[in-house]
Amino acid sequence: FPVIHPKDPEKIVEMGVGLLRADRGMFDRHLSIVVDLIVPHRMNLTDDPFEIHERWLMKRLST
Protein backbone atom coordinates (compact mmCIF):
# COMPACT_ATOMS: atom_id res chain seq x y z
CA PHE A 1 0.00 0.00 0.00
CA PRO A 2 1.27 3.53 -0.68
CA VAL A 3 2.44 5.80 2.11
CA ILE A 4 -0.06 8.51 3.07
CA HIS A 5 1.80 11.68 4.07
CA PRO A 6 0.21 13.96 6.70
CA LYS A 7 -1.33 17.16 5.35
CA ASP A 8 -0.69 19.47 8.32
CA PRO A 9 1.98 19.92 11.05
CA GLU A 10 -0.49 19.17 13.85
CA LYS A 11 -0.99 15.66 12.46
CA ILE A 12 2.78 15.04 12.57
CA VAL A 13 2.91 16.14 16.22
CA GLU A 14 -0.09 13.93 17.00
CA MET A 15 1.61 10.94 15.36
CA GLY A 16 4.84 11.60 17.30
CA VAL A 17 2.99 11.77 20.60
CA GLY A 18 1.21 8.53 19.71
CA LEU A 19 4.56 6.81 19.09
CA LEU A 20 5.91 8.19 22.38
CA ARG A 21 2.93 6.83 24.31
CA ALA A 22 3.08 3.44 22.58
CA ASP A 23 6.78 2.73 23.22
CA ARG A 24 8.85 5.29 25.08
CA GLY A 25 12.13 3.35 24.73
CA MET A 26 11.80 3.01 20.96
CA PHE A 27 10.88 6.68 20.62
CA ASP A 28 13.89 7.80 22.68
CA ARG A 29 16.23 5.53 20.70
CA HIS A 30 15.03 6.85 17.35
CA LEU A 31 15.14 10.45 18.60
CA SER A 32 18.72 9.92 19.78
CA ILE A 33 19.71 8.51 16.38
CA VAL A 34 18.19 11.50 14.58
CA VAL A 35 19.91 13.98 16.91
CA ASP A 36 23.25 12.19 16.41
CA LEU A 37 22.84 12.46 12.64
CA ILE A 38 21.96 16.18 12.69
CA VAL A 39 24.00 17.71 15.52
CA PRO A 40 27.78 17.91 14.94
CA HIS A 41 30.00 16.00 17.38
CA ARG A 42 32.26 18.65 18.85
CA MET A 43 32.06 17.99 22.56
CA ASN A 44 34.42 17.38 25.44
CA LEU A 45 33.94 14.38 27.71
CA THR A 46 32.70 16.70 30.47
CA ASP A 47 30.06 18.43 28.30
CA ASP A 48 26.38 17.72 28.85
CA PRO A 49 25.11 16.46 25.47
CA PHE A 50 21.60 17.83 26.03
CA GLU A 51 22.97 21.30 26.76
CA ILE A 52 25.25 21.23 23.71
CA HIS A 53 22.43 20.03 21.44
CA GLU A 54 20.05 22.66 22.79
CA ARG A 55 22.59 25.46 22.23
CA TRP A 56 23.24 24.20 18.68
CA LEU A 57 19.51 24.07 17.94
CA MET A 58 18.74 27.49 19.45
CA LYS A 59 21.55 29.07 17.40
CA ARG A 60 19.99 27.71 14.20
CA LEU A 61 16.46 28.71 15.17
CA SER A 62 17.47 32.32 15.82
CA THR A 63 19.04 32.82 12.37
PDB file of N, CA and C in Angstrom:
ATOM      1  N   PHE A   1       0.832  -1.181   0.000  1.00  0.00           N
ATOM      2  CA  PHE A   1       0.000   0.000   0.000  1.00  0.00           C
ATOM      3  C   PHE A   1       0.875   1.243   0.000  1.00  0.00           C
ATOM      4  N   PRO A   2       0.444   2.306  -0.632  1.00  0.00           N
ATOM      5  CA  PRO A   2       1.270   3.525  -0.682  1.00  0.00           C
ATOM      6  C   PRO A   2       1.252   4.273   0.654  1.00  0.00           C
ATOM      7  N   VAL A   3       2.334   4.972   0.901  1.00  0.00           N
ATOM      8  CA  VAL A   3       2.442   5.798   2.111  1.00  0.00           C
ATOM      9  C   VAL A   3       1.526   7.000   1.980  1.00  0.00           C
ATOM     10  N   ILE A   4       0.801   7.320   3.050  1.00  0.00           N
ATOM     11  CA  ILE A   4      -0.057   8.506   3.069  1.00  0.00           C
ATOM     12  C   ILE A   4       0.637   9.542   3.951  1.00  0.00           C
ATOM     13  N   HIS A   5       1.095  10.626   3.335  1.00  0.00           N
ATOM     14  CA  HIS A   5       1.798  11.678   4.067  1.00  0.00           C
ATOM     15  C   HIS A   5       0.791  12.587   4.767  1.00  0.00           C
ATOM     16  N   PRO A   6       1.113  13.050   5.994  1.00  0.00           N
ATOM     17  CA  PRO A   6       0.211  13.964   6.700  1.00  0.00           C
ATOM     18  C   PRO A   6       0.101  15.296   5.967  1.00  0.00           C
ATOM     19  N   LYS A   7      -1.066  15.900   6.054  1.00  0.00           N
ATOM     20  CA  LYS A   7      -1.327  17.159   5.348  1.00  0.00           C
ATOM     21  C   LYS A   7      -0.965  18.398   6.176  1.00  0.00           C
ATOM     22  N   ASP A   8      -0.948  18.282   7.506  1.00  0.00           N
ATOM     23  CA  ASP A   8      -0.687  19.469   8.323  1.00  0.00           C
ATOM     24  C   ASP A   8       0.276  19.130   9.466  1.00  0.00           C
ATOM     25  N   PRO A   9       0.996  20.139   9.981  1.00  0.00           N
ATOM     26  CA  PRO A   9       1.985  19.917  11.049  1.00  0.00           C
ATOM     27  C   PRO A   9       1.376  19.333  12.325  1.00  0.00           C
ATOM     28  N   GLU A  10       0.138  19.682  12.631  1.00  0.00           N
ATOM     29  CA  GLU A  10      -0.491  19.166  13.848  1.00  0.00           C
ATOM     30  C   GLU A  10      -0.616  17.648  13.797  1.00  0.00           C
ATOM     31  N   LYS A  11      -0.864  17.114  12.620  1.00  0.00           N
ATOM     32  CA  LYS A  11      -0.990  15.665  12.461  1.00  0.00           C
ATOM     33  C   LYS A  11       0.350  14.974  12.736  1.00  0.00           C
ATOM     34  N   ILE A  12       1.452  15.605  12.316  1.00  0.00           N
ATOM     35  CA  ILE A  12       2.782  15.038  12.567  1.00  0.00           C
ATOM     36  C   ILE A  12       3.060  15.001  14.069  1.00  0.00           C
ATOM     37  N   VAL A  13       2.722  16.089  14.769  1.00  0.00           N
ATOM     38  CA  VAL A  13       2.910  16.136  16.221  1.00  0.00           C
ATOM     39  C   VAL A  13       2.053  15.064  16.888  1.00  0.00           C
ATOM     40  N   GLU A  14       0.816  14.935  16.444  1.00  0.00           N
ATOM     41  CA  GLU A  14      -0.093  13.931  17.002  1.00  0.00           C
ATOM     42  C   GLU A  14       0.468  12.515  16.806  1.00  0.00           C
ATOM     43  N   MET A  15       1.027  12.258  15.640  1.00  0.00           N
ATOM     44  CA  MET A  15       1.609  10.940  15.364  1.00  0.00           C
ATOM     45  C   MET A  15       2.838  10.694  16.244  1.00  0.00           C
ATOM     46  N   GLY A  16       3.664  11.727  16.437  1.00  0.00           N
ATOM     47  CA  GLY A  16       4.843  11.595  17.296  1.00  0.00           C
ATOM     48  C   GLY A  16       4.467  11.308  18.736  1.00  0.00           C
ATOM     49  N   VAL A  17       3.451  12.004  19.232  1.00  0.00           N
ATOM     50  CA  VAL A  17       2.985  11.771  20.604  1.00  0.00           C
ATOM     51  C   VAL A  17       2.424  10.356  20.729  1.00  0.00           C
ATOM     52  N   GLY A  18       1.731   9.899  19.694  1.00  0.00           N
ATOM     53  CA  GLY A  18       1.209   8.529  19.709  1.00  0.00           C
ATOM     54  C   GLY A  18       2.324   7.500  19.789  1.00  0.00           C
ATOM     55  N   LEU A  19       3.409   7.715  19.024  1.00  0.00           N
ATOM     56  CA  LEU A  19       4.561   6.808  19.093  1.00  0.00           C
ATOM     57  C   LEU A  19       5.215   6.845  20.471  1.00  0.00           C
ATOM     58  N   LEU A  20       5.315   8.039  21.050  1.00  0.00           N
ATOM     59  CA  LEU A  20       5.909   8.190  22.378  1.00  0.00           C
ATOM     60  C   LEU A  20       5.104   7.418  23.413  1.00  0.00           C
ATOM     61  N   ARG A  21       3.787   7.534  23.340  1.00  0.00           N
ATOM     62  CA  ARG A  21       2.934   6.835  24.310  1.00  0.00           C
ATOM     63  C   ARG A  21       2.963   5.321  24.108  1.00  0.00           C
ATOM     64  N   ALA A  22       3.102   4.880  22.870  1.00  0.00           N
ATOM     65  CA  ALA A  22       3.082   3.442  22.580  1.00  0.00           C
ATOM     66  C   ALA A  22       4.352   2.751  23.069  1.00  0.00           C
ATOM     67  N   ASP A  23       5.512   3.371  22.864  1.00  0.00           N
ATOM     68  CA  ASP A  23       6.778   2.726  23.220  1.00  0.00           C
ATOM     69  C   ASP A  23       7.830   3.797  23.470  1.00  0.00           C
ATOM     70  N   ARG A  24       7.954   4.205  24.708  1.00  0.00           N
ATOM     71  CA  ARG A  24       8.855   5.295  25.080  1.00  0.00           C
ATOM     72  C   ARG A  24      10.317   4.968  24.751  1.00  0.00           C
ATOM     73  N   GLY A  25      10.740   3.742  24.998  1.00  0.00           N
ATOM     74  CA  GLY A  25      12.126   3.354  24.731  1.00  0.00           C
ATOM     75  C   GLY A  25      12.473   3.438  23.257  1.00  0.00           C
ATOM     76  N   MET A  26      11.575   2.951  22.406  1.00  0.00           N
ATOM     77  CA  MET A  26      11.804   3.007  20.961  1.00  0.00           C
ATOM     78  C   MET A  26      11.838   4.452  20.484  1.00  0.00           C
ATOM     79  N   PHE A  27      10.925   5.277  21.006  1.00  0.00           N
ATOM     80  CA  PHE A  27      10.878   6.681  20.619  1.00  0.00           C
ATOM     81  C   PHE A  27      12.181   7.379  20.990  1.00  0.00           C
ATOM     82  N   ASP A  28      12.643   7.171  22.229  1.00  0.00           N
ATOM     83  CA  ASP A  28      13.886   7.804  22.683  1.00  0.00           C
ATOM     84  C   ASP A  28      15.083   7.344  21.855  1.00  0.00           C
ATOM     85  N   ARG A  29      15.118   6.060  21.504  1.00  0.00           N
ATOM     86  CA  ARG A  29      16.227   5.534  20.702  1.00  0.00           C
ATOM     87  C   ARG A  29      16.249   6.168  19.317  1.00  0.00           C
ATOM     88  N   HIS A  30      15.089   6.241  18.681  1.00  0.00           N
ATOM     89  CA  HIS A  30      15.034   6.848  17.349  1.00  0.00           C
ATOM     90  C   HIS A  30      15.331   8.347  17.404  1.00  0.00           C
ATOM     91  N   LEU A  31      14.850   9.024  18.436  1.00  0.00           N
ATOM     92  CA  LEU A  31      15.138  10.446  18.597  1.00  0.00           C
ATOM     93  C   LEU A  31      16.637  10.665  18.780  1.00  0.00           C
ATOM     94  N   SER A  32      17.275   9.816  19.566  1.00  0.00           N
ATOM     95  CA  SER A  32      18.718   9.924  19.783  1.00  0.00           C
ATOM     96  C   SER A  32      19.487   9.712  18.483  1.00  0.00           C
ATOM     97  N   ILE A  33      19.055   8.766  17.669  1.00  0.00           N
ATOM     98  CA  ILE A  33      19.707   8.508  16.384  1.00  0.00           C
ATOM     99  C   ILE A  33      19.588   9.721  15.476  1.00  0.00           C
ATOM    100  N   VAL A  34      18.398  10.325  15.424  1.00  0.00           N
ATOM    101  CA  VAL A  34      18.186  11.502  14.576  1.00  0.00           C
ATOM    102  C   VAL A  34      19.053  12.658  15.052  1.00  0.00           C
ATOM    103  N   VAL A  35      19.092  12.890  16.359  1.00  0.00           N
ATOM    104  CA  VAL A  35      19.913  13.979  16.907  1.00  0.00           C
ATOM    105  C   VAL A  35      21.380  13.737  16.579  1.00  0.00           C
ATOM    106  N   ASP A  36      21.852  12.500  16.719  1.00  0.00           N
ATOM    107  CA  ASP A  36      23.253  12.191  16.407  1.00  0.00           C
ATOM    108  C   ASP A  36      23.573  12.435  14.942  1.00  0.00           C
ATOM    109  N   LEU A  37      22.612  12.232  14.063  1.00  0.00           N
ATOM    110  CA  LEU A  37      22.838  12.465  12.637  1.00  0.00           C
ATOM    111  C   LEU A  37      22.866  13.949  12.291  1.00  0.00           C
ATOM    112  N   ILE A  38      22.106  14.760  13.033  1.00  0.00           N
ATOM    113  CA  ILE A  38      21.962  16.177  12.694  1.00  0.00           C
ATOM    114  C   ILE A  38      22.977  17.053  13.418  1.00  0.00           C
ATOM    115  N   VAL A  39      23.153  16.838  14.705  1.00  0.00           N
ATOM    116  CA  VAL A  39      24.001  17.709  15.524  1.00  0.00           C
ATOM    117  C   VAL A  39      25.460  17.288  15.373  1.00  0.00           C
ATOM    118  N   PRO A  40      26.352  18.249  15.080  1.00  0.00           N
ATOM    119  CA  PRO A  40      27.775  17.907  14.940  1.00  0.00           C
ATOM    120  C   PRO A  40      28.371  17.439  16.268  1.00  0.00           C
ATOM    121  N   HIS A  41      29.368  16.569  16.179  1.00  0.00           N
ATOM    122  CA  HIS A  41      29.996  16.002  17.375  1.00  0.00           C
ATOM    123  C   HIS A  41      31.266  16.769  17.708  1.00  0.00           C
ATOM    124  N   ARG A  42      31.106  17.874  18.385  1.00  0.00           N
ATOM    125  CA  ARG A  42      32.261  18.649  18.853  1.00  0.00           C
ATOM    126  C   ARG A  42      32.078  18.897  20.340  1.00  0.00           C
ATOM    127  N   MET A  43      32.282  17.864  21.127  1.00  0.00           N
ATOM    128  CA  MET A  43      32.056  17.987  22.557  1.00  0.00           C
ATOM    129  C   MET A  43      33.246  17.416  23.315  1.00  0.00           C
ATOM    130  N   ASN A  44      33.442  17.946  24.511  1.00  0.00           N
ATOM    131  CA  ASN A  44      34.417  17.382  25.438  1.00  0.00           C
ATOM    132  C   ASN A  44      33.741  16.267  26.225  1.00  0.00           C
ATOM    133  N   LEU A  45      34.517  15.463  26.900  1.00  0.00           N
ATOM    134  CA  LEU A  45      33.943  14.384  27.707  1.00  0.00           C
ATOM    135  C   LEU A  45      33.129  14.911  28.878  1.00  0.00           C
ATOM    136  N   THR A  46      33.418  16.137  29.322  1.00  0.00           N
ATOM    137  CA  THR A  46      32.702  16.698  30.465  1.00  0.00           C
ATOM    138  C   THR A  46      31.454  17.475  30.060  1.00  0.00           C
ATOM    139  N   ASP A  47      31.229  17.677  28.765  1.00  0.00           N
ATOM    140  CA  ASP A  47      30.063  18.428  28.301  1.00  0.00           C
ATOM    141  C   ASP A  47      28.781  17.626  28.490  1.00  0.00           C
ATOM    142  N   ASP A  48      27.708  18.342  28.776  1.00  0.00           N
ATOM    143  CA  ASP A  48      26.383  17.724  28.848  1.00  0.00           C
ATOM    144  C   ASP A  48      25.807  17.698  27.434  1.00  0.00           C
ATOM    145  N   PRO A  49      25.567  16.522  26.860  1.00  0.00           N
ATOM    146  CA  PRO A  49      25.109  16.461  25.467  1.00  0.00           C
ATOM    147  C   PRO A  49      23.796  17.191  25.236  1.00  0.00           C
ATOM    148  N   PHE A  50      22.874  17.147  26.203  1.00  0.00           N
ATOM    149  CA  PHE A  50      21.596  17.829  26.026  1.00  0.00           C
ATOM    150  C   PHE A  50      21.787  19.342  25.954  1.00  0.00           C
ATOM    151  N   GLU A  51      22.693  19.866  26.774  1.00  0.00           N
ATOM    152  CA  GLU A  51      22.968  21.304  26.762  1.00  0.00           C
ATOM    153  C   GLU A  51      23.623  21.719  25.445  1.00  0.00           C
ATOM    154  N   ILE A  52      24.579  20.933  24.973  1.00  0.00           N
ATOM    155  CA  ILE A  52      25.254  21.229  23.706  1.00  0.00           C
ATOM    156  C   ILE A  52      24.266  21.177  22.554  1.00  0.00           C
ATOM    157  N   HIS A  53      23.423  20.154  22.508  1.00  0.00           N
ATOM    158  CA  HIS A  53      22.434  20.026  21.435  1.00  0.00           C
ATOM    159  C   HIS A  53      21.438  21.178  21.470  1.00  0.00           C
ATOM    160  N   GLU A  54      21.011  21.568  22.680  1.00  0.00           N
ATOM    161  CA  GLU A  54      20.053  22.664  22.793  1.00  0.00           C
ATOM    162  C   GLU A  54      20.671  23.976  22.310  1.00  0.00           C
ATOM    163  N   ARG A  55      21.920  24.243  22.696  1.00  0.00           N
ATOM    164  CA  ARG A  55      22.594  25.459  22.226  1.00  0.00           C
ATOM    165  C   ARG A  55      22.723  25.471  20.712  1.00  0.00           C
ATOM    166  N   TRP A  56      23.092  24.319  20.129  1.00  0.00           N
ATOM    167  CA  TRP A  56      23.240  24.197  18.683  1.00  0.00           C
ATOM    168  C   TRP A  56      21.904  24.470  17.998  1.00  0.00           C
ATOM    169  N   LEU A  57      20.836  23.892  18.528  1.00  0.00           N
ATOM    170  CA  LEU A  57      19.514  24.068  17.936  1.00  0.00           C
ATOM    171  C   LEU A  57      19.034  25.511  18.075  1.00  0.00           C
ATOM    172  N   MET A  58      19.205  26.114  19.238  1.00  0.00           N
ATOM    173  CA  MET A  58      18.744  27.490  19.454  1.00  0.00           C
ATOM    174  C   MET A  58      19.485  28.462  18.541  1.00  0.00           C
ATOM    175  N   LYS A  59      20.776  28.212  18.302  1.00  0.00           N
ATOM    176  CA  LYS A  59      21.548  29.071  17.404  1.00  0.00           C
ATOM    177  C   LYS A  59      20.956  29.022  15.993  1.00  0.00           C
ATOM    178  N   ARG A  60      20.553  27.848  15.547  1.00  0.00           N
ATOM    179  CA  ARG A  60      19.993  27.710  14.204  1.00  0.00           C
ATOM    180  C   ARG A  60      18.569  28.246  14.102  1.00  0.00           C
ATOM    181  N   LEU A  61      17.825  28.185  15.183  1.00  0.00           N
ATOM    182  CA  LEU A  61      16.457  28.709  15.166  1.00  0.00           C
ATOM    183  C   LEU A  61      16.433  30.230  15.153  1.00  0.00           C
ATOM    184  N   SER A  62      17.448  30.858  15.736  1.00  0.00           N
ATOM    185  CA  SER A  62      17.466  32.322  15.821  1.00  0.00           C
ATOM    186  C   SER A  62      17.971  32.983  14.547  1.00  0.00           C
ATOM    187  N   THR A  63      18.530  32.217  13.604  1.00  0.00           N
ATOM    188  CA  THR A  63      19.042  32.821  12.366  1.00  0.00           C
ATOM    189  C   THR A  63      18.032  32.774  11.258  1.00  0.00           C
TER     190      THR A  63
END
